[in-house]
Amino acid sequence: MYRITKEFHFSASHQLSHLPDGHQCARLHGHNYIVVVELASASLDADGFVRDYGELKLLKTYIDDTFDHRHLNDVMREASTGENMARHFYEWCVARWPETSSVKISETPKTWAEYRP
């Protein structure tokens, strides 16, 4: 199996207001997010790629236009947890690139959430 990944960055605020009073994530705060999309295939295309990295620029455009420097509570339908965001980006990617195998998202240098069906 061949696997490729590409990393994207954005900054945004959010608030998980459904959490109990006193929980640090219930307060308005922000993160410098990292999104890593992984694509996998048992074979390569005629150019020797799983997928040309240049095609993944669509994800950068989507992130920049929809998420970067936004308040995620205004953007996401569900709670803007790392887990929900990983699934959201996975579903967006797999609709465009069927080779998408997972999406990971980091809110801090030490925390990651991944969606891999």
PDB file of N, CA and C in Angstrom:
ATOM      1  N   MET A   1       0.844  -1.180   0.000  1.00  0.00           N
ATOM      2  CA  MET A   1       0.000   0.000   0.000  1.00  0.00           C
ATOM      3  C   MET A   1       0.887   1.240   0.000  1.00  0.00           C
ATOM      4  N   TYR A   2       0.600   2.155  -0.895  1.00  0.00           N
ATOM      5  CA  TYR A   2       1.289   3.445  -0.923  1.00  0.00           C
ATOM      6  C   TYR A   2       0.481   4.452  -0.119  1.00  0.00           C
ATOM      7  N   ARG A   3       1.172   5.298   0.622  1.00  0.00           N
ATOM      8  CA  ARG A   3       0.495   6.335   1.414  1.00  0.00           C
ATOM      9  C   ARG A   3       1.228   7.661   1.223  1.00  0.00           C
ATOM     10  N   ILE A   4       0.442   8.726   1.067  1.00  0.00           N
ATOM     11  CA  ILE A   4       1.000  10.067   1.037  1.00  0.00           C
ATOM     12  C   ILE A   4       0.237  10.918   2.050  1.00  0.00           C
ATOM     13  N   THR A   5       0.889  11.951   2.541  1.00  0.00           N
ATOM     14  CA  THR A   5       0.224  12.888   3.444  1.00  0.00           C
ATOM     15  C   THR A   5       0.579  14.305   3.028  1.00  0.00           C
ATOM     16  N   LYS A   6      -0.303  15.221   3.378  1.00  0.00           N
ATOM     17  CA  LYS A   6      -0.027  16.640   3.191  1.00  0.00           C
ATOM     18  C   LYS A   6      -0.595  17.380   4.387  1.00  0.00           C
ATOM     19  N   GLU A   7       0.148  18.391   4.832  1.00  0.00           N
ATOM     20  CA  GLU A   7      -0.173  19.126   6.042  1.00  0.00           C
ATOM     21  C   GLU A   7      -0.655  20.532   5.692  1.00  0.00           C
ATOM     22  N   PHE A   8      -1.668  20.995   6.430  1.00  0.00           N
ATOM     23  CA  PHE A   8      -2.245  22.325   6.244  1.00  0.00           C
ATOM     24  C   PHE A   8      -2.372  22.987   7.612  1.00  0.00           C
ATOM     25  N   HIS A   9      -2.297  24.315   7.653  1.00  0.00           N
ATOM     26  CA  HIS A   9      -2.355  25.055   8.914  1.00  0.00           C
ATOM     27  C   HIS A   9      -3.419  26.142   8.838  1.00  0.00           C
ATOM     28  N   PHE A  10      -4.062  26.393   9.969  1.00  0.00           N
ATOM     29  CA  PHE A  10      -4.956  27.535  10.087  1.00  0.00           C
ATOM     30  C   PHE A  10      -5.122  27.896  11.554  1.00  0.00           C
ATOM     31  N   SER A  11      -5.576  29.113  11.793  1.00  0.00           N
ATOM     32  CA  SER A  11      -5.834  29.599  13.145  1.00  0.00           C
ATOM     33  C   SER A  11      -7.306  29.935  13.261  1.00  0.00           C
ATOM     34  N   ALA A  12      -7.897  29.593  14.402  1.00  0.00           N
ATOM     35  CA  ALA A  12      -9.324  29.856  14.598  1.00  0.00           C
ATOM     36  C   ALA A  12      -9.645  29.833  16.088  1.00  0.00           C
ATOM     37  N   SER A  13     -10.778  30.450  16.424  1.00  0.00           N
ATOM     38  CA  SER A  13     -11.274  30.415  17.796  1.00  0.00           C
ATOM     39  C   SER A  13     -12.460  29.460  17.869  1.00  0.00           C
ATOM     40  N   HIS A  14     -12.763  29.024  19.075  1.00  0.00           N
ATOM     41  CA  HIS A  14     -13.982  28.259  19.311  1.00  0.00           C
ATOM     42  C   HIS A  14     -14.269  28.234  20.798  1.00  0.00           C
ATOM     43  N   GLN A  15     -15.426  27.693  21.105  1.00  0.00           N
ATOM     44  CA  GLN A  15     -15.863  27.582  22.496  1.00  0.00           C
ATOM     45  C   GLN A  15     -16.750  26.350  22.590  1.00  0.00           C
ATOM     46  N   LEU A  16     -16.410  25.446  23.474  1.00  0.00           N
ATOM     47  CA  LEU A  16     -17.216  24.243  23.678  1.00  0.00           C
ATOM     48  C   LEU A  16     -18.152  24.514  24.852  1.00  0.00           C
ATOM     49  N   SER A  17     -19.181  25.296  24.577  1.00  0.00           N
ATOM     50  CA  SER A  17     -20.054  25.807  25.631  1.00  0.00           C
ATOM     51  C   SER A  17     -20.939  24.739  26.263  1.00  0.00           C
ATOM     52  N   HIS A  18     -20.977  23.547  25.688  1.00  0.00           N
ATOM     53  CA  HIS A  18     -21.764  22.457  26.281  1.00  0.00           C
ATOM     54  C   HIS A  18     -21.029  21.801  27.459  1.00  0.00           C
ATOM     55  N   LEU A  19     -19.761  22.142  27.632  1.00  0.00           N
ATOM     56  CA  LEU A  19     -18.987  21.570  28.743  1.00  0.00           C
ATOM     57  C   LEU A  19     -19.306  22.300  30.047  1.00  0.00           C
ATOM     58  N   PRO A  20     -19.048  21.663  31.183  1.00  0.00           N
ATOM     59  CA  PRO A  20     -19.386  22.282  32.477  1.00  0.00           C
ATOM     60  C   PRO A  20     -18.621  23.576  32.725  1.00  0.00           C
ATOM     61  N   ASP A  21     -19.228  24.443  33.524  1.00  0.00           N
ATOM     62  CA  ASP A  21     -18.550  25.667  33.959  1.00  0.00           C
ATOM     63  C   ASP A  21     -17.211  25.289  34.586  1.00  0.00           C
ATOM     64  N   GLY A  22     -16.212  26.072  34.306  1.00  0.00           N
ATOM     65  CA  GLY A  22     -14.896  25.805  34.857  1.00  0.00           C
ATOM     66  C   GLY A  22     -14.017  24.969  33.945  1.00  0.00           C
ATOM     67  N   HIS A  23     -14.587  24.266  32.976  1.00  0.00           N
ATOM     68  CA  HIS A  23     -13.763  23.493  32.026  1.00  0.00           C
ATOM     69  C   HIS A  23     -13.066  24.485  31.106  1.00  0.00           C
ATOM     70  N   GLN A  24     -11.755  24.323  30.942  1.00  0.00           N
ATOM     71  CA  GLN A  24     -10.996  25.302  30.159  1.00  0.00           C
ATOM     72  C   GLN A  24     -11.505  25.447  28.729  1.00  0.00           C
ATOM     73  N   CYS A  25     -12.051  24.394  28.140  1.00  0.00           N
ATOM     74  CA  CYS A  25     -12.523  24.469  26.756  1.00  0.00           C
ATOM     75  C   CYS A  25     -13.908  25.106  26.645  1.00  0.00           C
ATOM     76  N   ALA A  26     -14.572  25.323  27.779  1.00  0.00           N
ATOM     77  CA  ALA A  26     -15.865  26.004  27.755  1.00  0.00           C
ATOM     78  C   ALA A  26     -15.685  27.503  27.553  1.00  0.00           C
ATOM     79  N   ARG A  27     -14.489  27.990  27.845  1.00  0.00           N
ATOM     80  CA  ARG A  27     -14.206  29.412  27.640  1.00  0.00           C
ATOM     81  C   ARG A  27     -13.819  29.660  26.184  1.00  0.00           C
ATOM     82  N   LEU A  28     -14.077  30.869  25.710  1.00  0.00           N
ATOM     83  CA  LEU A  28     -13.648  31.264  24.371  1.00  0.00           C
ATOM     84  C   LEU A  28     -12.121  31.207  24.306  1.00  0.00           C
ATOM     85  N   HIS A  29     -11.611  30.514  23.291  1.00  0.00           N
ATOM     86  CA  HIS A  29     -10.167  30.383  23.130  1.00  0.00           C
ATOM     87  C   HIS A  29      -9.856  30.054  21.680  1.00  0.00           C
ATOM     88  N   GLY A  30      -8.587  30.014  21.343  1.00  0.00           N
ATOM     89  CA  GLY A  30      -8.196  29.737  19.966  1.00  0.00           C
ATOM     90  C   GLY A  30      -7.038  28.761  19.890  1.00  0.00           C
ATOM     91  N   HIS A  31      -6.826  28.264  18.680  1.00  0.00           N
ATOM     92  CA  HIS A  31      -5.740  27.310  18.422  1.00  0.00           C
ATOM     93  C   HIS A  31      -5.088  27.627  17.084  1.00  0.00           C
ATOM     94  N   ASN A  32      -3.873  27.180  16.942  1.00  0.00           N
ATOM     95  CA  ASN A  32      -3.192  27.115  15.656  1.00  0.00           C
ATOM     96  C   ASN A  32      -3.279  25.658  15.222  1.00  0.00           C
ATOM     97  N   TYR A  33      -4.239  25.374  14.356  1.00  0.00           N
ATOM     98  CA  TYR A  33      -4.549  24.002  13.966  1.00  0.00           C
ATOM     99  C   TYR A  33      -3.597  23.496  12.889  1.00  0.00           C
ATOM    100  N   ILE A  34      -3.366  22.199  12.927  1.00  0.00           N
ATOM    101  CA  ILE A  34      -2.670  21.485  11.861  1.00  0.00           C
ATOM    102  C   ILE A  34      -3.599  20.374  11.395  1.00  0.00           C
ATOM    103  N   VAL A  35      -3.817  20.310  10.089  1.00  0.00           N
ATOM    104  CA  VAL A  35      -4.628  19.252   9.488  1.00  0.00           C
ATOM    105  C   VAL A  35      -3.701  18.432   8.599  1.00  0.00           C
ATOM    106  N   VAL A  36      -3.713  17.110   8.779  1.00  0.00           N
ATOM    107  CA  VAL A  36      -2.924  16.214   7.936  1.00  0.00           C
ATOM    108  C   VAL A  36      -3.874  15.252   7.256  1.00  0.00           C
ATOM    109  N   VAL A  37      -3.907  15.318   5.930  1.00  0.00           N
ATOM    110  CA  VAL A  37      -4.735  14.389   5.157  1.00  0.00           C
ATOM    111  C   VAL A  37      -3.821  13.282   4.620  1.00  0.00           C
ATOM    112  N   GLU A  38      -4.305  12.052   4.713  1.00  0.00           N
ATOM    113  CA  GLU A  38      -3.558  10.889   4.213  1.00  0.00           C
ATOM    114  C   GLU A  38      -4.365  10.240   3.107  1.00  0.00           C
ATOM    115  N   LEU A  39      -3.696   9.928   2.007  1.00  0.00           N
ATOM    116  CA  LEU A  39      -4.306   9.193   0.899  1.00  0.00           C
ATOM    117  C   LEU A  39      -3.533   7.898   0.713  1.00  0.00           C
ATOM    118  N   ALA A  40      -4.235   6.826   0.375  1.00  0.00           N
ATOM    119  CA  ALA A  40      -3.590   5.519   0.230  1.00  0.00           C
ATOM    120  C   ALA A  40      -4.129   4.806  -1.006  1.00  0.00           C
ATOM    121  N   SER A  41      -3.257   4.030  -1.629  1.00  0.00           N
ATOM    122  CA  SER A  41      -3.652   3.263  -2.806  1.00  0.00           C
ATOM    123  C   SER A  41      -2.727   2.060  -2.953  1.00  0.00           C
ATOM    124  N   ALA A  42      -3.285   0.980  -3.431  1.00  0.00           N
ATOM    125  CA  ALA A  42      -2.479  -0.217  -3.689  1.00  0.00           C
ATOM    126  C   ALA A  42      -1.666  -0.070  -4.972  1.00  0.00           C
ATOM    127  N   SER A  43      -2.046   0.886  -5.823  1.00  0.00           N
ATOM    128  CA  SER A  43      -1.326   1.087  -7.075  1.00  0.00           C
ATOM    129  C   SER A  43      -1.117   2.580  -7.314  1.00  0.00           C
ATOM    130  N   LEU A  44      -0.214   2.879  -8.236  1.00  0.00           N
ATOM    131  CA  LEU A  44       0.088   4.260  -8.584  1.00  0.00           C
ATOM    132  C   LEU A  44      -0.511   4.593  -9.947  1.00  0.00           C
ATOM    133  N   ASP A  45      -0.746   5.873 -10.178  1.00  0.00           N
ATOM    134  CA  ASP A  45      -1.276   6.280 -11.486  1.00  0.00           C
ATOM    135  C   ASP A  45      -0.148   6.267 -12.518  1.00  0.00           C
ATOM    136  N   ALA A  46      -0.442   6.659 -13.743  1.00  0.00           N
ATOM    137  CA  ALA A  46       0.535   6.615 -14.833  1.00  0.00           C
ATOM    138  C   ALA A  46       1.751   7.499 -14.558  1.00  0.00           C
ATOM    139  N   ASP A  47       1.593   8.514 -13.703  1.00  0.00           N
ATOM    140  CA  ASP A  47       2.706   9.397 -13.370  1.00  0.00           C
ATOM    141  C   ASP A  47       3.501   8.914 -12.157  1.00  0.00           C
ATOM    142  N   GLY A  48       3.084   7.797 -11.568  1.00  0.00           N
ATOM    143  CA  GLY A  48       3.777   7.255 -10.404  1.00  0.00           C
ATOM    144  C   GLY A  48       3.313   7.861  -9.088  1.00  0.00           C
ATOM    145  N   PHE A  49       2.104   8.428  -9.061  1.00  0.00           N
ATOM    146  CA  PHE A  49       1.559   9.064  -7.868  1.00  0.00           C
ATOM    147  C   PHE A  49       0.366   8.297  -7.315  1.00  0.00           C
ATOM    148  N   VAL A  50       0.168   8.384  -6.005  1.00  0.00           N
ATOM    149  CA  VAL A  50      -1.132   8.041  -5.422  1.00  0.00           C
ATOM    150  C   VAL A  50      -2.118   9.106  -5.891  1.00  0.00           C
ATOM    151  N   ARG A  51      -1.698  10.359  -5.737  1.00  0.00           N
ATOM    152  CA  ARG A  51      -2.455  11.528  -6.198  1.00  0.00           C
ATOM    153  C   ARG A  51      -1.436  12.660  -6.272  1.00  0.00           C
ATOM    154  N   ASP A  52      -1.500  13.469  -7.288  1.00  0.00           N
ATOM    155  CA  ASP A  52      -0.593  14.611  -7.415  1.00  0.00           C
ATOM    156  C   ASP A  52      -0.849  15.574  -6.256  1.00  0.00           C
ATOM    157  N   TYR A  53       0.202  15.910  -5.510  1.00  0.00           N
ATOM    158  CA  TYR A  53       0.055  16.828  -4.368  1.00  0.00           C
ATOM    159  C   TYR A  53      -0.604  18.143  -4.781  1.00  0.00           C
ATOM    160  N   GLY A  54      -0.362  18.571  -6.020  1.00  0.00           N
ATOM    161  CA  GLY A  54      -0.952  19.821  -6.493  1.00  0.00           C
ATOM    162  C   GLY A  54      -2.468  19.822  -6.446  1.00  0.00           C
ATOM    163  N   GLU A  55      -3.075  18.651  -6.612  1.00  0.00           N
ATOM    164  CA  GLU A  55      -4.541  18.548  -6.556  1.00  0.00           C
ATOM    165  C   GLU A  55      -5.069  18.841  -5.156  1.00  0.00           C
ATOM    166  N   LEU A  56      -4.248  18.622  -4.139  1.00  0.00           N
ATOM    167  CA  LEU A  56      -4.681  18.826  -2.763  1.00  0.00           C
ATOM    168  C   LEU A  56      -4.754  20.301  -2.383  1.00  0.00           C
ATOM    169  N   LYS A  57      -4.327  21.178  -3.288  1.00  0.00           N
ATOM    170  CA  LYS A  57      -4.433  22.613  -3.031  1.00  0.00           C
ATOM    171  C   LYS A  57      -5.891  23.020  -2.808  1.00  0.00           C
ATOM    172  N   LEU A  58      -6.820  22.263  -3.338  1.00  0.00           N
ATOM    173  CA  LEU A  58      -8.249  22.535  -3.102  1.00  0.00           C
ATOM    174  C   LEU A  58      -8.570  22.540  -1.610  1.00  0.00           C
ATOM    175  N   LEU A  59      -7.925  21.661  -0.852  1.00  0.00           N
ATOM    176  CA  LEU A  59      -8.160  21.627   0.591  1.00  0.00           C
ATOM    177  C   LEU A  59      -7.619  22.896   1.240  1.00  0.00           C
ATOM    178  N   LYS A  60      -6.474  23.373   0.818  1.00  0.00           N
ATOM    179  CA  LYS A  60      -5.937  24.620   1.348  1.00  0.00           C
ATOM    180  C   LYS A  60      -6.905  25.775   1.084  1.00  0.00           C
ATOM    181  N   THR A  61      -7.434  25.835  -0.114  1.00  0.00           N
ATOM    182  CA  THR A  61      -8.392  26.894  -0.458  1.00  0.00           C
ATOM    183  C   THR A  61      -9.630  26.798   0.423  1.00  0.00           C
ATOM    184  N   TYR A  62     -10.157  25.579   0.599  1.00  0.00           N
ATOM    185  CA  TYR A  62     -11.332  25.377   1.456  1.00  0.00           C
ATOM    186  C   TYR A  62     -11.050  25.812   2.888  1.00  0.00           C
ATOM    187  N   ILE A  63      -9.912  25.404   3.421  1.00  0.00           N
ATOM    188  CA  ILE A  63      -9.540  25.773   4.795  1.00  0.00           C
ATOM    189  C   ILE A  63      -9.390  27.294   4.903  1.00  0.00           C
ATOM    190  N   ASP A  64      -8.668  27.893   3.977  1.00  0.00           N
ATOM    191  CA  ASP A  64      -8.440  29.338   4.029  1.00  0.00           C
ATOM    192  C   ASP A  64      -9.748  30.119   3.930  1.00  0.00           C
ATOM    193  N   ASP A  65     -10.643  29.687   3.060  1.00  0.00           N
ATOM    194  CA  ASP A  65     -11.892  30.415   2.829  1.00  0.00           C
ATOM    195  C   ASP A  65     -12.939  30.179   3.911  1.00  0.00           C
ATOM    196  N   THR A  66     -12.914  29.011   4.551  1.00  0.00           N
ATOM    197  CA  THR A  66     -13.995  28.625   5.458  1.00  0.00           C
ATOM    198  C   THR A  66     -13.604  28.612   6.930  1.00  0.00           C
ATOM    199  N   PHE A  67     -12.350  28.300   7.237  1.00  0.00           N
ATOM    200  CA  PHE A  67     -11.944  28.076   8.627  1.00  0.00           C
ATOM    201  C   PHE A  67     -10.914  29.067   9.163  1.00  0.00           C
ATOM    202  N   ASP A  68      -9.991  29.509   8.327  1.00  0.00           N
ATOM    203  CA  ASP A  68      -8.877  30.310   8.825  1.00  0.00           C
ATOM    204  C   ASP A  68      -9.355  31.651   9.371  1.00  0.00           C
ATOM    205  N   HIS A  69      -8.922  31.958  10.594  1.00  0.00           N
ATOM    206  CA  HIS A  69      -9.272  33.196  11.299  1.00  0.00           C
ATOM    207  C   HIS A  69     -10.779  33.390  11.396  1.00  0.00           C
ATOM    208  N   ARG A  70     -11.476  32.291  11.675  1.00  0.00           N
ATOM    209  CA  ARG A  70     -12.926  32.306  11.892  1.00  0.00           C
ATOM    210  C   ARG A  70     -13.209  31.803  13.301  1.00  0.00           C
ATOM    211  N   HIS A  71     -14.446  32.005  13.713  1.00  0.00           N
ATOM    212  CA  HIS A  71     -14.939  31.426  14.967  1.00  0.00           C
ATOM    213  C   HIS A  71     -15.652  30.134  14.576  1.00  0.00           C
ATOM    214  N   LEU A  72     -15.101  28.992  14.993  1.00  0.00           N
ATOM    215  CA  LEU A  72     -15.582  27.695  14.515  1.00  0.00           C
ATOM    216  C   LEU A  72     -17.024  27.402  14.911  1.00  0.00           C
ATOM    217  N   ASN A  73     -17.504  28.000  15.984  1.00  0.00           N
ATOM    218  CA  ASN A  73     -18.908  27.818  16.356  1.00  0.00           C
ATOM    219  C   ASN A  73     -19.836  28.363  15.272  1.00  0.00           C
ATOM    220  N   ASP A  74     -19.356  29.315  14.485  1.00  0.00           N
ATOM    221  CA  ASP A  74     -20.142  29.871  13.383  1.00  0.00           C
ATOM    222  C   ASP A  74     -19.998  29.053  12.110  1.00  0.00           C
ATOM    223  N   VAL A  75     -19.014  28.163  12.061  1.00  0.00           N
ATOM    224  CA  VAL A  75     -18.699  27.403  10.848  1.00  0.00           C
ATOM    225  C   VAL A  75     -19.183  25.957  10.926  1.00  0.00           C
ATOM    226  N   MET A  76     -18.998  25.332  12.075  1.00  0.00           N
ATOM    227  CA  MET A  76     -19.320  23.912  12.237  1.00  0.00           C
ATOM    228  C   MET A  76     -20.769  23.728  12.684  1.00  0.00           C
ATOM    229  N   ARG A  77     -21.417  22.695  12.177  1.00  0.00           N
ATOM    230  CA  ARG A  77     -22.772  22.357  12.630  1.00  0.00           C
ATOM    231  C   ARG A  77     -22.747  21.668  13.986  1.00  0.00           C
ATOM    232  N   GLU A  78     -21.745  20.814  14.195  1.00  0.00           N
ATOM    233  CA  GLU A  78     -21.615  20.111  15.466  1.00  0.00           C
ATOM    234  C   GLU A  78     -20.518  20.784  16.298  1.00  0.00           C
ATOM    235  N   ALA A  79     -20.346  20.314  17.514  1.00  0.00           N
ATOM    236  CA  ALA A  79     -19.323  20.868  18.396  1.00  0.00           C
ATOM    237  C   ALA A  79     -17.962  20.803  17.704  1.00  0.00           C
ATOM    238  N   SER A  80     -17.200  21.862  17.812  1.00  0.00           N
ATOM    239  CA  SER A  80     -15.928  21.973  17.094  1.00  0.00           C
ATOM    240  C   SER A  80     -14.792  21.285  17.853  1.00  0.00           C
ATOM    241  N   THR A  81     -15.025  20.027  18.225  1.00  0.00           N
ATOM    242  CA  THR A  81     -13.966  19.223  18.841  1.00  0.00           C
ATOM    243  C   THR A  81     -13.010  18.758  17.750  1.00  0.00           C
ATOM    244  N   GLY A  82     -11.814  18.399  18.142  1.00  0.00           N
ATOM    245  CA  GLY A  82     -10.860  17.864  17.180  1.00  0.00           C
ATOM    246  C   GLY A  82     -11.402  16.638  16.472  1.00  0.00           C
ATOM    247  N   GLU A  83     -12.108  15.795  17.217  1.00  0.00           N
ATOM    248  CA  GLU A  83     -12.672  14.575  16.635  1.00  0.00           C
ATOM    249  C   GLU A  83     -13.696  14.898  15.541  1.00  0.00           C
ATOM    250  N   ASN A  84     -14.610  15.832  15.833  1.00  0.00           N
ATOM    251  CA  ASN A  84     -15.614  16.216  14.837  1.00  0.00           C
ATOM    252  C   ASN A  84     -14.978  16.905  13.636  1.00  0.00           C
ATOM    253  N   MET A  85     -13.964  17.702  13.891  1.00  0.00           N
ATOM    254  CA  MET A  85     -13.296  18.386  12.787  1.00  0.00           C
ATOM    255  C   MET A  85     -12.545  17.395  11.900  1.00  0.00           C
ATOM    256  N   ALA A  86     -11.908  16.394  12.504  1.00  0.00           N
ATOM    257  CA  ALA A  86     -11.208  15.381  11.712  1.00  0.00           C
ATOM    258  C   ALA A  86     -12.190  14.656  10.804  1.00  0.00           C
ATOM    259  N   ARG A  87     -13.365  14.295  11.335  1.00  0.00           N
ATOM    260  CA  ARG A  87     -14.376  13.631  10.507  1.00  0.00           C
ATOM    261  C   ARG A  87     -14.879  14.563   9.413  1.00  0.00           C
ATOM    262  N   HIS A  88     -15.112  15.825   9.755  1.00  0.00           N
ATOM    263  CA  HIS A  88     -15.574  16.799   8.762  1.00  0.00           C
ATOM    264  C   HIS A  88     -14.589  16.906   7.594  1.00  0.00           C
ATOM    265  N   PHE A  89     -13.312  17.086   7.901  1.00  0.00           N
ATOM    266  CA  PHE A  89     -12.319  17.202   6.832  1.00  0.00           C
ATOM    267  C   PHE A  89     -12.169  15.894   6.062  1.00  0.00           C
ATOM    268  N   TYR A  90     -12.276  14.767   6.745  1.00  0.00           N
ATOM    269  CA  TYR A  90     -12.229  13.480   6.042  1.00  0.00           C
ATOM    270  C   TYR A  90     -13.362  13.396   5.016  1.00  0.00           C
ATOM    271  N   GLU A  91     -14.577  13.691   5.435  1.00  0.00           N
ATOM    272  CA  GLU A  91     -15.729  13.591   4.527  1.00  0.00           C
ATOM    273  C   GLU A  91     -15.593  14.555   3.354  1.00  0.00           C
ATOM    274  N   TRP A  92     -15.070  15.750   3.601  1.00  0.00           N
ATOM    275  CA  TRP A  92     -14.854  16.715   2.524  1.00  0.00           C
ATOM    276  C   TRP A  92     -13.823  16.155   1.542  1.00  0.00           C
ATOM    277  N   CYS A  93     -12.735  15.606   2.072  1.00  0.00           N
ATOM    278  CA  CYS A  93     -11.660  15.093   1.214  1.00  0.00           C
ATOM    279  C   CYS A  93     -12.067  13.849   0.435  1.00  0.00           C
ATOM    280  N   VAL A  94     -12.698  12.896   1.094  1.00  0.00           N
ATOM    281  CA  VAL A  94     -13.019  11.633   0.417  1.00  0.00           C
ATOM    282  C   VAL A  94     -14.039  11.852  -0.709  1.00  0.00           C
ATOM    283  N   ALA A  95     -14.858  12.894  -0.583  1.00  0.00           N
ATOM    284  CA  ALA A  95     -15.807  13.215  -1.661  1.00  0.00           C
ATOM    285  C   ALA A  95     -15.064  13.682  -2.913  1.00  0.00           C
ATOM    286  N   ARG A  96     -13.848  14.177  -2.771  1.00  0.00           N
ATOM    287  CA  ARG A  96     -13.055  14.668  -3.894  1.00  0.00           C
ATOM    288  C   ARG A  96     -11.952  13.691  -4.310  1.00  0.00           C
ATOM    289  N   TRP A  97     -11.396  13.017  -3.326  1.00  0.00           N
ATOM    290  CA  TRP A  97     -10.290  12.093  -3.572  1.00  0.00           C
ATOM    291  C   TRP A  97     -10.605  10.778  -2.868  1.00  0.00           C
ATOM    292  N   PRO A  98     -11.132   9.788  -3.601  1.00  0.00           N
ATOM    293  CA  PRO A  98     -11.541   8.525  -2.977  1.00  0.00           C
ATOM    294  C   PRO A  98     -10.406   7.787  -2.269  1.00  0.00           C
ATOM    295  N   GLU A  99      -9.168   8.146  -2.569  1.00  0.00           N
ATOM    296  CA  GLU A  99      -8.014   7.507  -1.917  1.00  0.00           C
ATOM    297  C   GLU A  99      -7.813   7.995  -0.484  1.00  0.00           C
ATOM    298  N   THR A 100      -8.578   8.994  -0.054  1.00  0.00           N
ATOM    299  CA  THR A 100      -8.415   9.517   1.301  1.00  0.00           C
ATOM    300  C   THR A 100      -8.630   8.389   2.309  1.00  0.00           C
ATOM    301  N   SER A 101      -7.643   8.191   3.182  1.00  0.00           N
ATOM    302  CA  SER A 101      -7.736   7.105   4.155  1.00  0.00           C
ATOM    303  C   SER A 101      -7.867   7.610   5.590  1.00  0.00           C
ATOM    304  N   SER A 102      -7.414   8.837   5.864  1.00  0.00           N
ATOM    305  CA  SER A 102      -7.580   9.392   7.209  1.00  0.00           C
ATOM    306  C   SER A 102      -7.300  10.885   7.195  1.00  0.00           C
ATOM    307  N   VAL A 103      -7.779  11.530   8.242  1.00  0.00           N
ATOM    308  CA  VAL A 103      -7.431  12.922   8.501  1.00  0.00           C
ATOM    309  C   VAL A 103      -7.122  13.042   9.987  1.00  0.00           C
ATOM    310  N   LYS A 104      -6.005  13.699  10.280  1.00  0.00           N
ATOM    311  CA  LYS A 104      -5.619  13.999  11.667  1.00  0.00           C
ATOM    312  C   LYS A 104      -5.647  15.504  11.834  1.00  0.00           C
ATOM    313  N   ILE A 105      -6.007  15.941  13.035  1.00  0.00           N
ATOM    314  CA  ILE A 105      -5.999  17.368  13.336  1.00  0.00           C
ATOM    315  C   ILE A 105      -5.386  17.585  14.707  1.00  0.00           C
ATOM    316  N   SER A 106      -4.552  18.606  14.783  1.00  0.00           N
ATOM    317  CA  SER A 106      -3.901  18.971  16.033  1.00  0.00           C
ATOM    318  C   SER A 106      -4.377  20.350  16.457  1.00  0.00           C
ATOM    319  N   GLU A 107      -4.711  20.474  17.745  1.00  0.00           N
ATOM    320  CA  GLU A 107      -5.047  21.770  18.322  1.00  0.00           C
ATOM    321  C   GLU A 107      -3.847  22.371  19.048  1.00  0.00           C
ATOM    322  N   THR A 108      -3.012  21.512  19.580  1.00  0.00           N
ATOM    323  CA  THR A 108      -1.813  21.939  20.289  1.00  0.00           C
ATOM    324  C   THR A 108      -0.674  21.009  19.872  1.00  0.00           C
ATOM    325  N   PRO A 109       0.560  21.379  20.148  1.00  0.00           N
ATOM    326  CA  PRO A 109       1.678  20.510  19.752  1.00  0.00           C
ATOM    327  C   PRO A 109       1.619  19.109  20.352  1.00  0.00           C
ATOM    328  N   LYS A 110       0.847  18.916  21.427  1.00  0.00           N
ATOM    329  CA  LYS A 110       0.814  17.618  22.091  1.00  0.00           C
ATOM    330  C   LYS A 110      -0.493  16.862  21.911  1.00  0.00           C
ATOM    331  N   THR A 111      -1.459  17.417  21.177  1.00  0.00           N
ATOM    332  CA  THR A 111      -2.758  16.744  21.056  1.00  0.00           C
ATOM    333  C   THR A 111      -3.145  16.552  19.593  1.00  0.00           C
ATOM    334  N   TRP A 112      -3.639  15.361  19.296  1.00  0.00           N
ATOM    335  CA  TRP A 112      -4.075  15.009  17.945  1.00  0.00           C
ATOM    336  C   TRP A 112      -5.370  14.225  18.031  1.00  0.00           C
ATOM    337  N   ALA A 113      -6.257  14.451  17.065  1.00  0.00           N
ATOM    338  CA  ALA A 113      -7.445  13.621  16.875  1.00  0.00           C
ATOM    339  C   ALA A 113      -7.383  13.106  15.439  1.00  0.00           C
ATOM    340  N   GLU A 114      -7.869  11.890  15.239  1.00  0.00           N
ATOM    341  CA  GLU A 114      -7.813  11.282  13.901  1.00  0.00           C
ATOM    342  C   GLU A 114      -9.158  10.654  13.582  1.00  0.00           C
ATOM    343  N   TYR A 115      -9.561  10.786  12.316  1.00  0.00           N
ATOM    344  CA  TYR A 115     -10.713  10.039  11.817  1.00  0.00           C
ATOM    345  C   TYR A 115     -10.207   9.145  10.702  1.00  0.00           C
ATOM    346  N   ARG A 116     -10.405   7.845  10.907  1.00  0.00           N
ATOM    347  CA  ARG A 116      -9.985   6.829   9.939  1.00  0.00           C
ATOM    348  C   ARG A 116     -11.072   5.774   9.931  1.00  0.00           C
ATOM    349  N   PRO A 117     -11.923   5.756   8.911  1.00  0.00           N
ATOM    350  CA  PRO A 117     -13.012   4.751   8.914  1.00  0.00           C
ATOM    351  C   PRO A 117     -12.500   3.314   8.824  1.00  0.00           C
TER     352      PRO A 117
END
